[in-house]
Amino acid sequence: MKIKIDLNFPPELKDDPLICELCKKFDIILNILEASFSTDVGWALLVIEGEEADVNKSLQYLKDSGVEIKEAQTLS
């Protein structure tokens, strides 16, 4: 499974290494297409690829951490 996701990070999470933790916690391949973080907020556009269960667990991990998933598009 391969998906493209658009994420918003609230101010309290902008310094947390959540994107790095995705690859360590779940068996996925992650590609950062674009990202920007300021002193207030952050956003990222990622492509995540892996087994469907691992991709779904990584999305749930982001949601549980407080990251807003604005859009998720299945690529294959």
PDB file of N, CA and C in Angstrom:
ATOM      1  N   MET A   1       0.850  -1.173   0.000  1.00  0.00           N
ATOM      2  CA  MET A   1       0.000   0.000   0.000  1.00  0.00           C
ATOM      3  C   MET A   1       0.895   1.235   0.000  1.00  0.00           C
ATOM      4  N   LYS A   2       0.481   2.233  -0.776  1.00  0.00           N
ATOM      5  CA  LYS A   2       1.235   3.480  -0.872  1.00  0.00           C
ATOM      6  C   LYS A   2       0.242   4.633  -0.794  1.00  0.00           C
ATOM      7  N   ILE A   3       0.464   5.543   0.156  1.00  0.00           N
ATOM      8  CA  ILE A   3      -0.440   6.686   0.297  1.00  0.00           C
ATOM      9  C   ILE A   3       0.347   7.986   0.420  1.00  0.00           C
ATOM     10  N   LYS A   4      -0.301   9.064   0.008  1.00  0.00           N
ATOM     11  CA  LYS A   4       0.242  10.407   0.194  1.00  0.00           C
ATOM     12  C   LYS A   4      -0.621  11.077   1.250  1.00  0.00           C
ATOM     13  N   ILE A   5       0.021  11.643   2.277  1.00  0.00           N
ATOM     14  CA  ILE A   5      -0.733  12.286   3.349  1.00  0.00           C
ATOM     15  C   ILE A   5      -0.248  13.709   3.563  1.00  0.00           C
ATOM     16  N   ASP A   6      -1.187  14.560   3.913  1.00  0.00           N
ATOM     17  CA  ASP A   6      -0.945  15.966   4.217  1.00  0.00           C
ATOM     18  C   ASP A   6      -1.199  16.136   5.708  1.00  0.00           C
ATOM     19  N   LEU A   7      -0.182  16.554   6.445  1.00  0.00           N
ATOM     20  CA  LEU A   7      -0.268  16.620   7.902  1.00  0.00           C
ATOM     21  C   LEU A   7      -0.106  18.041   8.422  1.00  0.00           C
ATOM     22  N   ASN A   8      -0.804  18.340   9.505  1.00  0.00           N
ATOM     23  CA  ASN A   8      -0.610  19.567  10.271  1.00  0.00           C
ATOM     24  C   ASN A   8      -0.185  19.193  11.675  1.00  0.00           C
ATOM     25  N   PHE A   9       0.874  19.831  12.150  1.00  0.00           N
ATOM     26  CA  PHE A   9       1.381  19.588  13.489  1.00  0.00           C
ATOM     27  C   PHE A   9       1.034  20.773  14.382  1.00  0.00           C
ATOM     28  N   PRO A  10       0.361  20.543  15.512  1.00  0.00           N
ATOM     29  CA  PRO A  10       0.060  21.637  16.425  1.00  0.00           C
ATOM     30  C   PRO A  10       1.341  22.130  17.105  1.00  0.00           C
ATOM     31  N   PRO A  11       1.306  23.325  17.660  1.00  0.00           N
ATOM     32  CA  PRO A  11       2.509  23.917  18.253  1.00  0.00           C
ATOM     33  C   PRO A  11       3.200  23.023  19.284  1.00  0.00           C
ATOM     34  N   GLU A  12       2.435  22.315  20.079  1.00  0.00           N
ATOM     35  CA  GLU A  12       3.046  21.503  21.138  1.00  0.00           C
ATOM     36  C   GLU A  12       3.797  20.283  20.605  1.00  0.00           C
ATOM     37  N   LEU A  13       3.627  19.946  19.327  1.00  0.00           N
ATOM     38  CA  LEU A  13       4.300  18.780  18.747  1.00  0.00           C
ATOM     39  C   LEU A  13       5.421  19.140  17.778  1.00  0.00           C
ATOM     40  N   LYS A  14       5.603  20.406  17.496  1.00  0.00           N
ATOM     41  CA  LYS A  14       6.521  20.799  16.431  1.00  0.00           C
ATOM     42  C   LYS A  14       7.965  20.383  16.684  1.00  0.00           C
ATOM     43  N   ASP A  15       8.345  20.163  17.926  1.00  0.00           N
ATOM     44  CA  ASP A  15       9.715  19.764  18.232  1.00  0.00           C
ATOM     45  C   ASP A  15       9.869  18.256  18.440  1.00  0.00           C
ATOM     46  N   ASP A  16       8.773  17.506  18.371  1.00  0.00           N
ATOM     47  CA  ASP A  16       8.820  16.058  18.568  1.00  0.00           C
ATOM     48  C   ASP A  16       9.225  15.356  17.270  1.00  0.00           C
ATOM     49  N   PRO A  17      10.061  14.318  17.344  1.00  0.00           N
ATOM     50  CA  PRO A  17      10.532  13.623  16.134  1.00  0.00           C
ATOM     51  C   PRO A  17       9.539  12.568  15.637  1.00  0.00           C
ATOM     52  N   LEU A  18       8.294  12.961  15.454  1.00  0.00           N
ATOM     53  CA  LEU A  18       7.256  11.992  15.092  1.00  0.00           C
ATOM     54  C   LEU A  18       7.488  11.344  13.737  1.00  0.00           C
ATOM     55  N   ILE A  19       7.965  12.103  12.770  1.00  0.00           N
ATOM     56  CA  ILE A  19       8.196  11.544  11.439  1.00  0.00           C
ATOM     57  C   ILE A  19       9.305  10.496  11.498  1.00  0.00           C
ATOM     58  N   CYS A  20      10.353  10.774  12.213  1.00  0.00           N
ATOM     59  CA  CYS A  20      11.443   9.804  12.384  1.00  0.00           C
ATOM     60  C   CYS A  20      10.952   8.552  13.101  1.00  0.00           C
ATOM     61  N   GLU A  21      10.122   8.723  14.108  1.00  0.00           N
ATOM     62  CA  GLU A  21       9.617   7.593  14.874  1.00  0.00           C
ATOM     63  C   GLU A  21       8.744   6.663  14.024  1.00  0.00           C
ATOM     64  N   LEU A  22       8.096   7.183  12.996  1.00  0.00           N
ATOM     65  CA  LEU A  22       7.271   6.335  12.132  1.00  0.00           C
ATOM     66  C   LEU A  22       8.083   5.201  11.525  1.00  0.00           C
ATOM     67  N   CYS A  23       9.265   5.517  11.031  1.00  0.00           N
ATOM     68  CA  CYS A  23      10.104   4.495  10.395  1.00  0.00           C
ATOM     69  C   CYS A  23      10.676   3.515  11.414  1.00  0.00           C
ATOM     70  N   LYS A  24      10.909   3.974  12.620  1.00  0.00           N
ATOM     71  CA  LYS A  24      11.457   3.092  13.649  1.00  0.00           C
ATOM     72  C   LYS A  24      10.402   2.173  14.245  1.00  0.00           C
ATOM     73  N   LYS A  25       9.180   2.681  14.404  1.00  0.00           N
ATOM     74  CA  LYS A  25       8.120   1.913  15.061  1.00  0.00           C
ATOM     75  C   LYS A  25       7.386   0.976  14.103  1.00  0.00           C
ATOM     76  N   PHE A  26       7.331   1.350  12.823  1.00  0.00           N
ATOM     77  CA  PHE A  26       6.542   0.603  11.855  1.00  0.00           C
ATOM     78  C   PHE A  26       7.409   0.258  10.648  1.00  0.00           C
ATOM     79  N   ASP A  27       7.102  -0.845  10.011  1.00  0.00           N
ATOM     80  CA  ASP A  27       7.872  -1.312   8.862  1.00  0.00           C
ATOM     81  C   ASP A  27       7.349  -0.617   7.599  1.00  0.00           C
ATOM     82  N   ILE A  28       7.715   0.669   7.458  1.00  0.00           N
ATOM     83  CA  ILE A  28       7.250   1.464   6.320  1.00  0.00           C
ATOM     84  C   ILE A  28       8.436   2.167   5.670  1.00  0.00           C
ATOM     85  N   ILE A  29       8.217   2.586   4.438  1.00  0.00           N
ATOM     86  CA  ILE A  29       9.146   3.460   3.734  1.00  0.00           C
ATOM     87  C   ILE A  29       8.480   4.820   3.682  1.00  0.00           C
ATOM     88  N   LEU A  30       9.207   5.836   4.066  1.00  0.00           N
ATOM     89  CA  LEU A  30       8.637   7.173   4.169  1.00  0.00           C
ATOM     90  C   LEU A  30       9.438   8.132   3.296  1.00  0.00           C
ATOM     91  N   ASN A  31       8.734   8.939   2.515  1.00  0.00           N
ATOM     92  CA  ASN A  31       9.358   9.958   1.687  1.00  0.00           C
ATOM     93  C   ASN A  31       8.736  11.302   2.038  1.00  0.00           C
ATOM     94  N   ILE A  32       9.568  12.254   2.428  1.00  0.00           N
ATOM     95  CA  ILE A  32       9.097  13.602   2.735  1.00  0.00           C
ATOM     96  C   ILE A  32       9.128  14.402   1.439  1.00  0.00           C
ATOM     97  N   LEU A  33       7.943  14.730   0.913  1.00  0.00           N
ATOM     98  CA  LEU A  33       7.866  15.504  -0.331  1.00  0.00           C
ATOM     99  C   LEU A  33       8.083  16.988  -0.074  1.00  0.00           C
ATOM    100  N   GLU A  34       7.457  17.498   0.976  1.00  0.00           N
ATOM    101  CA  GLU A  34       7.590  18.895   1.386  1.00  0.00           C
ATOM    102  C   GLU A  34       7.326  18.966   2.878  1.00  0.00           C
ATOM    103  N   ALA A  35       7.914  19.963   3.532  1.00  0.00           N
ATOM    104  CA  ALA A  35       7.642  20.177   4.950  1.00  0.00           C
ATOM    105  C   ALA A  35       8.096  21.576   5.333  1.00  0.00           C
ATOM    106  N   SER A  36       7.431  22.115   6.360  1.00  0.00           N
ATOM    107  CA  SER A  36       7.803  23.417   6.895  1.00  0.00           C
ATOM    108  C   SER A  36       7.405  23.461   8.365  1.00  0.00           C
ATOM    109  N   PHE A  37       8.330  23.929   9.181  1.00  0.00           N
ATOM    110  CA  PHE A  37       8.063  24.062  10.607  1.00  0.00           C
ATOM    111  C   PHE A  37       8.540  25.426  11.060  1.00  0.00           C
ATOM    112  N   SER A  38       7.699  26.101  11.829  1.00  0.00           N
ATOM    113  CA  SER A  38       8.054  27.406  12.366  1.00  0.00           C
ATOM    114  C   SER A  38       7.999  27.324  13.885  1.00  0.00           C
ATOM    115  N   THR A  39       8.067  28.463  14.517  1.00  0.00           N
ATOM    116  CA  THR A  39       7.983  28.470  15.980  1.00  0.00           C
ATOM    117  C   THR A  39       6.584  28.157  16.472  1.00  0.00           C
ATOM    118  N   ASP A  40       5.593  28.270  15.581  1.00  0.00           N
ATOM    119  CA  ASP A  40       4.207  28.053  15.997  1.00  0.00           C
ATOM    120  C   ASP A  40       3.621  26.721  15.533  1.00  0.00           C
ATOM    121  N   VAL A  41       3.797  26.382  14.278  1.00  0.00           N
ATOM    122  CA  VAL A  41       3.144  25.192  13.718  1.00  0.00           C
ATOM    123  C   VAL A  41       4.063  24.517  12.711  1.00  0.00           C
ATOM    124  N   GLY A  42       3.596  23.388  12.224  1.00  0.00           N
ATOM    125  CA  GLY A  42       4.336  22.697  11.180  1.00  0.00           C
ATOM    126  C   GLY A  42       3.387  21.935  10.282  1.00  0.00           C
ATOM    127  N   TRP A  43       3.851  21.631   9.079  1.00  0.00           N
ATOM    128  CA  TRP A  43       3.072  20.812   8.154  1.00  0.00           C
ATOM    129  C   TRP A  43       4.047  19.968   7.353  1.00  0.00           C
ATOM    130  N   ALA A  44       3.547  18.876   6.833  1.00  0.00           N
ATOM    131  CA  ALA A  44       4.376  17.997   6.014  1.00  0.00           C
ATOM    132  C   ALA A  44       3.504  17.264   5.014  1.00  0.00           C
ATOM    133  N   LEU A  45       4.065  17.015   3.854  1.00  0.00           N
ATOM    134  CA  LEU A  45       3.436  16.212   2.819  1.00  0.00           C
ATOM    135  C   LEU A  45       4.333  14.989   2.637  1.00  0.00           C
ATOM    136  N   LEU A  46       3.795  13.813   2.973  1.00  0.00           N
ATOM    137  CA  LEU A  46       4.579  12.586   2.986  1.00  0.00           C
ATOM    138  C   LEU A  46       3.973  11.528   2.081  1.00  0.00           C
ATOM    139  N   VAL A  47       4.816  10.622   1.617  1.00  0.00           N
ATOM    140  CA  VAL A  47       4.364   9.384   0.990  1.00  0.00           C
ATOM    141  C   VAL A  47       4.823   8.257   1.901  1.00  0.00           C
ATOM    142  N   ILE A  48       3.883   7.410   2.291  1.00  0.00           N
ATOM    143  CA  ILE A  48       4.167   6.262   3.145  1.00  0.00           C
ATOM    144  C   ILE A  48       3.843   5.007   2.350  1.00  0.00           C
ATOM    145  N   GLU A  49       4.792   4.063   2.374  1.00  0.00           N
ATOM    146  CA  GLU A  49       4.599   2.813   1.631  1.00  0.00           C
ATOM    147  C   GLU A  49       4.929   1.639   2.535  1.00  0.00           C
ATOM    148  N   GLY A  50       4.089   0.610   2.481  1.00  0.00           N
ATOM    149  CA  GLY A  50       4.323  -0.592   3.262  1.00  0.00           C
ATOM    150  C   GLY A  50       3.097  -1.486   3.232  1.00  0.00           C
ATOM    151  N   GLU A  51       3.136  -2.523   4.049  1.00  0.00           N
ATOM    152  CA  GLU A  51       1.969  -3.391   4.182  1.00  0.00           C
ATOM    153  C   GLU A  51       0.808  -2.566   4.735  1.00  0.00           C
ATOM    154  N   GLU A  52      -0.396  -2.886   4.304  1.00  0.00           N
ATOM    155  CA  GLU A  52      -1.567  -2.108   4.700  1.00  0.00           C
ATOM    156  C   GLU A  52      -1.683  -1.969   6.214  1.00  0.00           C
ATOM    157  N   ALA A  53      -1.441  -3.040   6.942  1.00  0.00           N
ATOM    158  CA  ALA A  53      -1.552  -2.990   8.407  1.00  0.00           C
ATOM    159  C   ALA A  53      -0.539  -2.014   9.001  1.00  0.00           C
ATOM    160  N   ASP A  54       0.692  -2.004   8.491  1.00  0.00           N
ATOM    161  CA  ASP A  54       1.720  -1.093   9.006  1.00  0.00           C
ATOM    162  C   ASP A  54       1.404   0.363   8.659  1.00  0.00           C
ATOM    163  N   VAL A  55       0.910   0.586   7.446  1.00  0.00           N
ATOM    164  CA  VAL A  55       0.527   1.944   7.049  1.00  0.00           C
ATOM    165  C   VAL A  55      -0.610   2.442   7.940  1.00  0.00           C
ATOM    166  N   ASN A  56      -1.608   1.602   8.158  1.00  0.00           N
ATOM    167  CA  ASN A  56      -2.736   1.995   9.007  1.00  0.00           C
ATOM    168  C   ASN A  56      -2.295   2.248  10.449  1.00  0.00           C
ATOM    169  N   LYS A  57      -1.372   1.441  10.963  1.00  0.00           N
ATOM    170  CA  LYS A  57      -0.859   1.652  12.327  1.00  0.00           C
ATOM    171  C   LYS A  57      -0.094   2.970  12.412  1.00  0.00           C
ATOM    172  N   SER A  58       0.647   3.300  11.368  1.00  0.00           N
ATOM    173  CA  SER A  58       1.399   4.560  11.389  1.00  0.00           C
ATOM    174  C   SER A  58       0.458   5.757  11.352  1.00  0.00           C
ATOM    175  N   LEU A  59      -0.626   5.658  10.582  1.00  0.00           N
ATOM    176  CA  LEU A  59      -1.613   6.744  10.558  1.00  0.00           C
ATOM    177  C   LEU A  59      -2.287   6.894  11.915  1.00  0.00           C
ATOM    178  N   GLN A  60      -2.619   5.782  12.534  1.00  0.00           N
ATOM    179  CA  GLN A  60      -3.249   5.828  13.850  1.00  0.00           C
ATOM    180  C   GLN A  60      -2.296   6.422  14.887  1.00  0.00           C
ATOM    181  N   TYR A  61      -1.020   6.083  14.788  1.00  0.00           N
ATOM    182  CA  TYR A  61      -0.009   6.634  15.688  1.00  0.00           C
ATOM    183  C   TYR A  61       0.029   8.163  15.569  1.00  0.00           C
ATOM    184  N   LEU A  62       0.008   8.666  14.336  1.00  0.00           N
ATOM    185  CA  LEU A  62       0.004  10.121  14.137  1.00  0.00           C
ATOM    186  C   LEU A  62      -1.236  10.755  14.756  1.00  0.00           C
ATOM    187  N   LYS A  63      -2.402  10.166  14.492  1.00  0.00           N
ATOM    188  CA  LYS A  63      -3.657  10.698  15.052  1.00  0.00           C
ATOM    189  C   LYS A  63      -3.620  10.684  16.566  1.00  0.00           C
ATOM    190  N   ASP A  64      -3.190   9.570  17.142  1.00  0.00           N
ATOM    191  CA  ASP A  64      -3.132   9.448  18.600  1.00  0.00           C
ATOM    192  C   ASP A  64      -2.152  10.437  19.222  1.00  0.00           C
ATOM    193  N   SER A  65      -1.144  10.832  18.445  1.00  0.00           N
ATOM    194  CA  SER A  65      -0.153  11.795  18.930  1.00  0.00           C
ATOM    195  C   SER A  65      -0.651  13.232  18.855  1.00  0.00           C
ATOM    196  N   GLY A  66      -1.750  13.462  18.124  1.00  0.00           N
ATOM    197  CA  GLY A  66      -2.307  14.807  18.013  1.00  0.00           C
ATOM    198  C   GLY A  66      -2.057  15.485  16.683  1.00  0.00           C
ATOM    199  N   VAL A  67      -1.511  14.752  15.725  1.00  0.00           N
ATOM    200  CA  VAL A  67      -1.273  15.303  14.386  1.00  0.00           C
ATOM    201  C   VAL A  67      -2.577  15.247  13.600  1.00  0.00           C
ATOM    202  N   GLU A  68      -2.885  16.332  12.898  1.00  0.00           N
ATOM    203  CA  GLU A  68      -4.086  16.375  12.059  1.00  0.00           C
ATOM    204  C   GLU A  68      -3.741  15.857  10.665  1.00  0.00           C
ATOM    205  N   ILE A  69      -4.453  14.833  10.229  1.00  0.00           N
ATOM    206  CA  ILE A  69      -4.288  14.336   8.867  1.00  0.00           C
ATOM    207  C   ILE A  69      -5.334  15.040   8.016  1.00  0.00           C
ATOM    208  N   LYS A  70      -4.885  16.029   7.226  1.00  0.00           N
ATOM    209  CA  LYS A  70      -5.797  16.829   6.415  1.00  0.00           C
ATOM    210  C   LYS A  70      -6.331  16.045   5.229  1.00  0.00           C
ATOM    211  N   GLU A  71      -5.452  15.254   4.629  1.00  0.00           N
ATOM    212  CA  GLU A  71      -5.846  14.520   3.428  1.00  0.00           C
ATOM    213  C   GLU A  71      -4.975  13.283   3.308  1.00  0.00           C
ATOM    214  N   ALA A  72      -5.589  12.190   2.893  1.00  0.00           N
ATOM    215  CA  ALA A  72      -4.861  10.954   2.613  1.00  0.00           C
ATOM    216  C   ALA A  72      -5.336  10.428   1.271  1.00  0.00           C
ATOM    217  N   GLN A  73      -4.414  10.177   0.383  1.00  0.00           N
ATOM    218  CA  GLN A  73      -4.734   9.718  -0.972  1.00  0.00           C
ATOM    219  C   GLN A  73      -3.980   8.425  -1.248  1.00  0.00           C
ATOM    220  N   THR A  74      -4.708   7.364  -1.601  1.00  0.00           N
ATOM    221  CA  THR A  74      -4.075   6.098  -1.953  1.00  0.00           C
ATOM    222  C   THR A  74      -3.445   6.223  -3.316  1.00  0.00           C
ATOM    223  N   LEU A  75      -2.172   5.833  -3.426  1.00  0.00           N
ATOM    224  CA  LEU A  75      -1.462   5.909  -4.693  1.00  0.00           C
ATOM    225  C   LEU A  75      -1.393   4.569  -5.392  1.00  0.00           C
ATOM    226  N   SER A  76      -1.331   3.487  -4.640  1.00  0.00           N
ATOM    227  CA  SER A  76      -1.329   2.145  -5.245  1.00  0.00           C
ATOM    228  C   SER A  76      -1.625   1.111  -4.192  1.00  0.00           C
TER     229      SER A  76
END
